[in-house]
Amino acid sequence: MVNDLRWSHVAGADRYRVTVFDATGGVVYAAEASDTVVAFPDSVPLVPSAAYLWKVDARTGFDRWEASVLAEFRVVAESRRR
């Protein structure tokens, strides 16, 4: 389960765009924020062990955005306790 997405502050940035992609490049989730964290909604299911990519664009000036590199992540299946 992914509760939120967090990243480092970019100097001079006042807005961020966060995008999560599936392995085929389809957008799974996109959001804008003024802080360096966004809550990941429960309504967006992520498949355990599937590969996902995400990036953050930081607005550093009027209509000027700096993009992060794409980073891969996988969701680990929750273990069931008896």
PDB file of N, CA and C in Angstrom:
ATOM      1  N   MET A   1       0.839  -1.171   0.000  1.00  0.00           N
ATOM      2  CA  MET A   1       0.000   0.000   0.000  1.00  0.00           C
ATOM      3  C   MET A   1       0.891   1.244   0.000  1.00  0.00           C
ATOM      4  N   VAL A   2       0.536   2.211  -0.800  1.00  0.00           N
ATOM      5  CA  VAL A   2       1.249   3.476  -0.855  1.00  0.00           C
ATOM      6  C   VAL A   2       0.368   4.526  -0.180  1.00  0.00           C
ATOM      7  N   ASN A   3       0.872   5.128   0.885  1.00  0.00           N
ATOM      8  CA  ASN A   3       0.106   6.146   1.596  1.00  0.00           C
ATOM      9  C   ASN A   3       0.323   7.539   1.023  1.00  0.00           C
ATOM     10  N   ASP A   4       1.570   7.831   0.696  1.00  0.00           N
ATOM     11  CA  ASP A   4       1.872   9.134   0.127  1.00  0.00           C
ATOM     12  C   ASP A   4       3.147   9.069  -0.695  1.00  0.00           C
ATOM     13  N   LEU A   5       3.371  10.129  -1.457  1.00  0.00           N
ATOM     14  CA  LEU A   5       4.585  10.280  -2.246  1.00  0.00           C
ATOM     15  C   LEU A   5       5.319  11.498  -1.709  1.00  0.00           C
ATOM     16  N   ARG A   6       6.630  11.356  -1.473  1.00  0.00           N
ATOM     17  CA  ARG A   6       7.437  12.438  -0.900  1.00  0.00           C
ATOM     18  C   ARG A   6       8.692  12.630  -1.733  1.00  0.00           C
ATOM     19  N   TRP A   7       9.146  13.867  -1.808  1.00  0.00           N
ATOM     20  CA  TRP A   7      10.357  14.175  -2.560  1.00  0.00           C
ATOM     21  C   TRP A   7      11.045  15.361  -1.892  1.00  0.00           C
ATOM     22  N   SER A   8      12.243  15.674  -2.354  1.00  0.00           N
ATOM     23  CA  SER A   8      13.024  16.774  -1.798  1.00  0.00           C
ATOM     24  C   SER A   8      12.593  18.105  -2.393  1.00  0.00           C
ATOM     25  N   HIS A   9      12.695  19.140  -1.587  1.00  0.00           N
ATOM     26  CA  HIS A   9      12.382  20.500  -2.022  1.00  0.00           C
ATOM     27  C   HIS A   9      13.372  20.938  -3.104  1.00  0.00           C
ATOM     28  N   VAL A  10      12.886  21.656  -4.086  1.00  0.00           N
ATOM     29  CA  VAL A  10      13.726  22.234  -5.129  1.00  0.00           C
ATOM     30  C   VAL A  10      13.807  23.733  -4.856  1.00  0.00           C
ATOM     31  N   ALA A  11      15.026  24.261  -4.772  1.00  0.00           N
ATOM     32  CA  ALA A  11      15.221  25.679  -4.478  1.00  0.00           C
ATOM     33  C   ALA A  11      14.467  26.548  -5.479  1.00  0.00           C
ATOM     34  N   GLY A  12      13.684  27.476  -4.965  1.00  0.00           N
ATOM     35  CA  GLY A  12      12.945  28.398  -5.806  1.00  0.00           C
ATOM     36  C   GLY A  12      11.614  27.876  -6.317  1.00  0.00           C
ATOM     37  N   ALA A  13      11.292  26.636  -6.042  1.00  0.00           N
ATOM     38  CA  ALA A  13      10.036  26.050  -6.538  1.00  0.00           C
ATOM     39  C   ALA A  13       8.867  26.465  -5.653  1.00  0.00           C
ATOM     40  N   ASP A  14       7.743  26.780  -6.315  1.00  0.00           N
ATOM     41  CA  ASP A  14       6.540  27.117  -5.564  1.00  0.00           C
ATOM     42  C   ASP A  14       5.385  26.175  -5.877  1.00  0.00           C
ATOM     43  N   ARG A  15       5.617  25.245  -6.782  1.00  0.00           N
ATOM     44  CA  ARG A  15       4.566  24.295  -7.180  1.00  0.00           C
ATOM     45  C   ARG A  15       5.240  23.041  -7.722  1.00  0.00           C
ATOM     46  N   TYR A  16       4.577  21.895  -7.516  1.00  0.00           N
ATOM     47  CA  TYR A  16       5.090  20.617  -8.009  1.00  0.00           C
ATOM     48  C   TYR A  16       3.983  19.861  -8.734  1.00  0.00           C
ATOM     49  N   ARG A  17       4.361  19.149  -9.789  1.00  0.00           N
ATOM     50  CA  ARG A  17       3.462  18.221 -10.482  1.00  0.00           C
ATOM     51  C   ARG A  17       4.051  16.827 -10.305  1.00  0.00           C
ATOM     52  N   VAL A  18       3.252  15.921  -9.805  1.00  0.00           N
ATOM     53  CA  VAL A  18       3.677  14.543  -9.569  1.00  0.00           C
ATOM     54  C   VAL A  18       2.913  13.644 -10.534  1.00  0.00           C
ATOM     55  N   THR A  19       3.632  12.747 -11.206  1.00  0.00           N
ATOM     56  CA  THR A  19       2.988  11.825 -12.138  1.00  0.00           C
ATOM     57  C   THR A  19       3.507  10.420 -11.891  1.00  0.00           C
ATOM     58  N   VAL A  20       2.580   9.457 -11.790  1.00  0.00           N
ATOM     59  CA  VAL A  20       2.916   8.042 -11.642  1.00  0.00           C
ATOM     60  C   VAL A  20       2.451   7.325 -12.905  1.00  0.00           C
ATOM     61  N   PHE A  21       3.339   6.519 -13.478  1.00  0.00           N
ATOM     62  CA  PHE A  21       3.068   5.786 -14.714  1.00  0.00           C
ATOM     63  C   PHE A  21       3.115   4.288 -14.467  1.00  0.00           C
ATOM     64  N   ASP A  22       2.336   3.535 -15.242  1.00  0.00           N
ATOM     65  CA  ASP A  22       2.480   2.074 -15.208  1.00  0.00           C
ATOM     66  C   ASP A  22       3.605   1.685 -16.165  1.00  0.00           C
ATOM     67  N   ALA A  23       3.883   0.399 -16.289  1.00  0.00           N
ATOM     68  CA  ALA A  23       5.004  -0.088 -17.099  1.00  0.00           C
ATOM     69  C   ALA A  23       4.842   0.202 -18.591  1.00  0.00           C
ATOM     70  N   THR A  24       3.619   0.456 -19.036  1.00  0.00           N
ATOM     71  CA  THR A  24       3.392   0.753 -20.454  1.00  0.00           C
ATOM     72  C   THR A  24       3.463   2.254 -20.744  1.00  0.00           C
ATOM     73  N   GLY A  25       3.657   3.059 -19.704  1.00  0.00           N
ATOM     74  CA  GLY A  25       3.729   4.507 -19.876  1.00  0.00           C
ATOM     75  C   GLY A  25       2.408   5.218 -19.655  1.00  0.00           C
ATOM     76  N   GLY A  26       1.373   4.462 -19.322  1.00  0.00           N
ATOM     77  CA  GLY A  26       0.078   5.073 -19.034  1.00  0.00           C
ATOM     78  C   GLY A  26       0.092   5.790 -17.700  1.00  0.00           C
ATOM     79  N   VAL A  27      -0.565   6.920 -17.629  1.00  0.00           N
ATOM     80  CA  VAL A  27      -0.627   7.679 -16.375  1.00  0.00           C
ATOM     81  C   VAL A  27      -1.607   6.995 -15.425  1.00  0.00           C
ATOM     82  N   VAL A  28      -1.123   6.647 -14.257  1.00  0.00           N
ATOM     83  CA  VAL A  28      -1.924   6.011 -13.219  1.00  0.00           C
ATOM     84  C   VAL A  28      -2.466   7.064 -12.256  1.00  0.00           C
ATOM     85  N   TYR A  29      -1.656   8.095 -12.008  1.00  0.00           N
ATOM     86  CA  TYR A  29      -2.039   9.137 -11.055  1.00  0.00           C
ATOM     87  C   TYR A  29      -1.262  10.403 -11.381  1.00  0.00           C
ATOM     88  N   ALA A  30      -1.915  11.537 -11.246  1.00  0.00           N
ATOM     89  CA  ALA A  30      -1.260  12.835 -11.429  1.00  0.00           C
ATOM     90  C   ALA A  30      -1.858  13.820 -10.450  1.00  0.00           C
ATOM     91  N   ALA A  31      -1.021  14.680  -9.897  1.00  0.00           N
ATOM     92  CA  ALA A  31      -1.483  15.677  -8.938  1.00  0.00           C
ATOM     93  C   ALA A  31      -0.538  16.866  -8.940  1.00  0.00           C
ATOM     94  N   GLU A  32      -1.039  17.988  -8.441  1.00  0.00           N
ATOM     95  CA  GLU A  32      -0.215  19.169  -8.216  1.00  0.00           C
ATOM     96  C   GLU A  32      -0.243  19.493  -6.735  1.00  0.00           C
ATOM     97  N   ALA A  33       0.862  20.054  -6.257  1.00  0.00           N
ATOM     98  CA  ALA A  33       0.959  20.389  -4.837  1.00  0.00           C
ATOM     99  C   ALA A  33       1.902  21.564  -4.643  1.00  0.00           C
ATOM    100  N   SER A  34       1.725  22.264  -3.526  1.00  0.00           N
ATOM    101  CA  SER A  34       2.643  23.347  -3.191  1.00  0.00           C
ATOM    102  C   SER A  34       3.674  22.880  -2.160  1.00  0.00           C
ATOM    103  N   ASP A  35       3.502  21.660  -1.664  1.00  0.00           N
ATOM    104  CA  ASP A  35       4.411  21.079  -0.687  1.00  0.00           C
ATOM    105  C   ASP A  35       5.130  19.891  -1.332  1.00  0.00           C
ATOM    106  N   THR A  36       6.018  19.253  -0.594  1.00  0.00           N
ATOM    107  CA  THR A  36       6.799  18.131  -1.124  1.00  0.00           C
ATOM    108  C   THR A  36       6.224  16.768  -0.742  1.00  0.00           C
ATOM    109  N   VAL A  37       4.919  16.713  -0.571  1.00  0.00           N
ATOM    110  CA  VAL A  37       4.240  15.455  -0.268  1.00  0.00           C
ATOM    111  C   VAL A  37       2.803  15.528  -0.791  1.00  0.00           C
ATOM    112  N   VAL A  38       2.328  14.416  -1.338  1.00  0.00           N
ATOM    113  CA  VAL A  38       0.916  14.294  -1.711  1.00  0.00           C
ATOM    114  C   VAL A  38       0.405  12.960  -1.191  1.00  0.00           C
ATOM    115  N   ALA A  39      -0.823  12.962  -0.722  1.00  0.00           N
ATOM    116  CA  ALA A  39      -1.466  11.718  -0.284  1.00  0.00           C
ATOM    117  C   ALA A  39      -1.819  10.910  -1.523  1.00  0.00           C
ATOM    118  N   PHE A  40      -1.528   9.617  -1.507  1.00  0.00           N
ATOM    119  CA  PHE A  40      -1.865   8.752  -2.625  1.00  0.00           C
ATOM    120  C   PHE A  40      -3.241   8.154  -2.351  1.00  0.00           C
ATOM    121  N   PRO A  41      -4.199   8.371  -3.240  1.00  0.00           N
ATOM    122  CA  PRO A  41      -5.579   7.938  -2.963  1.00  0.00           C
ATOM    123  C   PRO A  41      -5.760   6.423  -2.996  1.00  0.00           C
ATOM    124  N   ASP A  42      -6.614   5.941  -2.109  1.00  0.00           N
ATOM    125  CA  ASP A  42      -6.950   4.508  -2.082  1.00  0.00           C
ATOM    126  C   ASP A  42      -7.682   4.082  -3.344  1.00  0.00           C
ATOM    127  N   SER A  43      -8.290   5.031  -4.044  1.00  0.00           N
ATOM    128  CA  SER A  43      -9.061   4.715  -5.255  1.00  0.00           C
ATOM    129  C   SER A  43      -8.177   4.347  -6.438  1.00  0.00           C
ATOM    130  N   VAL A  44      -6.860   4.515  -6.296  1.00  0.00           N
ATOM    131  CA  VAL A  44      -5.918   4.146  -7.361  1.00  0.00           C
ATOM    132  C   VAL A  44      -5.207   2.868  -6.928  1.00  0.00           C
ATOM    133  N   PRO A  45      -5.669   1.716  -7.421  1.00  0.00           N
ATOM    134  CA  PRO A  45      -5.056   0.453  -6.992  1.00  0.00           C
ATOM    135  C   PRO A  45      -3.707   0.232  -7.678  1.00  0.00           C
ATOM    136  N   LEU A  46      -2.718  -0.165  -6.898  1.00  0.00           N
ATOM    137  CA  LEU A  46      -1.414  -0.532  -7.435  1.00  0.00           C
ATOM    138  C   LEU A  46      -1.235  -2.026  -7.236  1.00  0.00           C
ATOM    139  N   VAL A  47      -0.788  -2.701  -8.268  1.00  0.00           N
ATOM    140  CA  VAL A  47      -0.639  -4.152  -8.240  1.00  0.00           C
ATOM    141  C   VAL A  47       0.688  -4.514  -7.576  1.00  0.00           C
ATOM    142  N   PRO A  48       0.652  -5.347  -6.528  1.00  0.00           N
ATOM    143  CA  PRO A  48       1.893  -5.764  -5.882  1.00  0.00           C
ATOM    144  C   PRO A  48       2.855  -6.400  -6.888  1.00  0.00           C
ATOM    145  N   SER A  49       4.125  -6.056  -6.771  1.00  0.00           N
ATOM    146  CA  SER A  49       5.232  -6.547  -7.602  1.00  0.00           C
ATOM    147  C   SER A  49       5.266  -5.958  -9.008  1.00  0.00           C
ATOM    148  N   ALA A  50       4.244  -5.230  -9.422  1.00  0.00           N
ATOM    149  CA  ALA A  50       4.265  -4.599 -10.746  1.00  0.00           C
ATOM    150  C   ALA A  50       5.193  -3.384 -10.701  1.00  0.00           C
ATOM    151  N   ALA A  51       5.826  -3.104 -11.834  1.00  0.00           N
ATOM    152  CA  ALA A  51       6.729  -1.956 -11.919  1.00  0.00           C
ATOM    153  C   ALA A  51       5.941  -0.685 -12.232  1.00  0.00           C
ATOM    154  N   TYR A  52       6.280   0.380 -11.538  1.00  0.00           N
ATOM    155  CA  TYR A  52       5.710   1.703 -11.767  1.00  0.00           C
ATOM    156  C   TYR A  52       6.849   2.700 -11.856  1.00  0.00           C
ATOM    157  N   LEU A  53       6.599   3.802 -12.523  1.00  0.00           N
ATOM    158  CA  LEU A  53       7.571   4.883 -12.616  1.00  0.00           C
ATOM    159  C   LEU A  53       6.910   6.153 -12.107  1.00  0.00           C
ATOM    160  N   TRP A  54       7.712   7.042 -11.543  1.00  0.00           N
ATOM    161  CA  TRP A  54       7.163   8.324 -11.136  1.00  0.00           C
ATOM    162  C   TRP A  54       8.178   9.419 -11.331  1.00  0.00           C
ATOM    163  N   LYS A  55       7.668  10.640 -11.481  1.00  0.00           N
ATOM    164  CA  LYS A  55       8.536  11.801 -11.622  1.00  0.00           C
ATOM    165  C   LYS A  55       7.845  13.000 -10.997  1.00  0.00           C
ATOM    166  N   VAL A  56       8.647  14.003 -10.713  1.00  0.00           N
ATOM    167  CA  VAL A  56       8.142  15.250 -10.153  1.00  0.00           C
ATOM    168  C   VAL A  56       8.685  16.395 -11.000  1.00  0.00           C
ATOM    169  N   ASP A  57       7.807  17.303 -11.380  1.00  0.00           N
ATOM    170  CA  ASP A  57       8.201  18.529 -12.069  1.00  0.00           C
ATOM    171  C   ASP A  57       8.050  19.665 -11.068  1.00  0.00           C
ATOM    172  N   ALA A  58       9.061  20.517 -10.971  1.00  0.00           N
ATOM    173  CA  ALA A  58       9.040  21.637 -10.039  1.00  0.00           C
ATOM    174  C   ALA A  58       8.959  22.943 -10.816  1.00  0.00           C
ATOM    175  N   ARG A  59       7.991  23.791 -10.455  1.00  0.00           N
ATOM    176  CA  ARG A  59       7.880  25.100 -11.105  1.00  0.00           C
ATOM    177  C   ARG A  59       8.827  26.067 -10.406  1.00  0.00           C
ATOM    178  N   THR A  60       9.815  26.537 -11.169  1.00  0.00           N
ATOM    179  CA  THR A  60      10.843  27.405 -10.603  1.00  0.00           C
ATOM    180  C   THR A  60      10.743  28.838 -11.106  1.00  0.00           C
ATOM    181  N   GLY A  61       9.775  29.103 -11.938  1.00  0.00           N
ATOM    182  CA  GLY A  61       9.563  30.448 -12.456  1.00  0.00           C
ATOM    183  C   GLY A  61       8.289  30.463 -13.273  1.00  0.00           C
ATOM    184  N   PHE A  62       7.942  31.615 -13.805  1.00  0.00           N
ATOM    185  CA  PHE A  62       6.732  31.709 -14.614  1.00  0.00           C
ATOM    186  C   PHE A  62       6.842  30.772 -15.800  1.00  0.00           C
ATOM    187  N   ASP A  63       5.978  29.772 -15.831  1.00  0.00           N
ATOM    188  CA  ASP A  63       5.932  28.780 -16.910  1.00  0.00           C
ATOM    189  C   ASP A  63       7.277  28.095 -17.150  1.00  0.00           C
ATOM    190  N   ARG A  64       8.071  27.963 -16.100  1.00  0.00           N
ATOM    191  CA  ARG A  64       9.349  27.255 -16.191  1.00  0.00           C
ATOM    192  C   ARG A  64       9.313  26.091 -15.205  1.00  0.00           C
ATOM    193  N   TRP A  65       9.505  24.885 -15.726  1.00  0.00           N
ATOM    194  CA  TRP A  65       9.436  23.669 -14.918  1.00  0.00           C
ATOM    195  C   TRP A  65      10.730  22.880 -15.064  1.00  0.00           C
ATOM    196  N   GLU A  66      11.198  22.324 -13.969  1.00  0.00           N
ATOM    197  CA  GLU A  66      12.363  21.435 -13.985  1.00  0.00           C
ATOM    198  C   GLU A  66      11.871  20.041 -13.621  1.00  0.00           C
ATOM    199  N   ALA A  67      12.251  19.054 -14.428  1.00  0.00           N
ATOM    200  CA  ALA A  67      11.765  17.683 -14.238  1.00  0.00           C
ATOM    201  C   ALA A  67      12.817  16.813 -13.556  1.00  0.00           C
ATOM    202  N   SER A  68      12.348  15.938 -12.696  1.00  0.00           N
ATOM    203  CA  SER A  68      13.221  14.931 -12.102  1.00  0.00           C
ATOM    204  C   SER A  68      13.412  13.811 -13.122  1.00  0.00           C
ATOM    205  N   VAL A  69      14.290  12.899 -12.822  1.00  0.00           N
ATOM    206  CA  VAL A  69      14.420  11.704 -13.641  1.00  0.00           C
ATOM    207  C   VAL A  69      13.266  10.770 -13.273  1.00  0.00           C
ATOM    208  N   LEU A  70      12.937   9.860 -14.175  1.00  0.00           N
ATOM    209  CA  LEU A  70      11.932   8.838 -13.852  1.00  0.00           C
ATOM    210  C   LEU A  70      12.549   7.854 -12.873  1.00  0.00           C
ATOM    211  N   ALA A  71      11.826   7.548 -11.821  1.00  0.00           N
ATOM    212  CA  ALA A  71      12.295   6.594 -10.822  1.00  0.00           C
ATOM    213  C   ALA A  71      11.321   5.422 -10.777  1.00  0.00           C
ATOM    214  N   GLU A  72      11.863   4.217 -10.758  1.00  0.00           N
ATOM    215  CA  GLU A  72      11.016   3.022 -10.712  1.00  0.00           C
ATOM    216  C   GLU A  72      10.758   2.620  -9.266  1.00  0.00           C
ATOM    217  N   PHE A  73       9.558   2.101  -9.016  1.00  0.00           N
ATOM    218  CA  PHE A  73       9.261   1.515  -7.710  1.00  0.00           C
ATOM    219  C   PHE A  73       8.297   0.352  -7.891  1.00  0.00           C
ATOM    220  N   ARG A  74       8.251  -0.488  -6.905  1.00  0.00           N
ATOM    221  CA  ARG A  74       7.327  -1.623  -6.865  1.00  0.00           C
ATOM    222  C   ARG A  74       6.680  -1.662  -5.488  1.00  0.00           C
ATOM    223  N   VAL A  75       5.425  -2.051  -5.471  1.00  0.00           N
ATOM    224  CA  VAL A  75       4.699  -2.176  -4.214  1.00  0.00           C
ATOM    225  C   VAL A  75       4.879  -3.611  -3.713  1.00  0.00           C
ATOM    226  N   VAL A  76       5.252  -3.741  -2.474  1.00  0.00           N
ATOM    227  CA  VAL A  76       5.442  -5.052  -1.870  1.00  0.00           C
ATOM    228  C   VAL A  76       4.104  -5.525  -1.328  1.00  0.00           C
ATOM    229  N   ALA A  77       3.764  -6.761  -1.607  1.00  0.00           N
ATOM    230  CA  ALA A  77       2.503  -7.317  -1.104  1.00  0.00           C
ATOM    231  C   ALA A  77       2.545  -7.385   0.420  1.00  0.00           C
ATOM    232  N   GLU A  78       1.440  -7.034   1.042  1.00  0.00           N
ATOM    233  CA  GLU A  78       1.355  -7.113   2.489  1.00  0.00           C
ATOM    234  C   GLU A  78       1.311  -8.577   2.912  1.00  0.00           C
ATOM    235  N   SER A  79       2.091  -8.912   3.923  1.00  0.00           N
ATOM    236  CA  SER A  79       2.062 -10.290   4.403  1.00  0.00           C
ATOM    237  C   SER A  79       0.871 -10.467   5.344  1.00  0.00           C
ATOM    238  N   ARG A  80       0.288 -11.615   5.278  1.00  0.00           N
ATOM    239  CA  ARG A  80      -0.873 -11.908   6.151  1.00  0.00           C
ATOM    240  C   ARG A  80      -0.374 -12.559   7.429  1.00  0.00           C
ATOM    241  N   ARG A  81      -0.830 -12.020   8.523  1.00  0.00           N
ATOM    242  CA  ARG A  81      -0.448 -12.585   9.825  1.00  0.00           C
ATOM    243  C   ARG A  81      -1.554 -13.470  10.322  1.00  0.00           C
ATOM    244  N   ARG A  82      -1.180 -14.513  10.975  1.00  0.00           N
ATOM    245  CA  ARG A  82      -2.165 -15.454  11.520  1.00  0.00           C
ATOM    246  C   ARG A  82      -2.352 -15.258  12.976  1.00  0.00           C
TER     247      ARG A  82
END
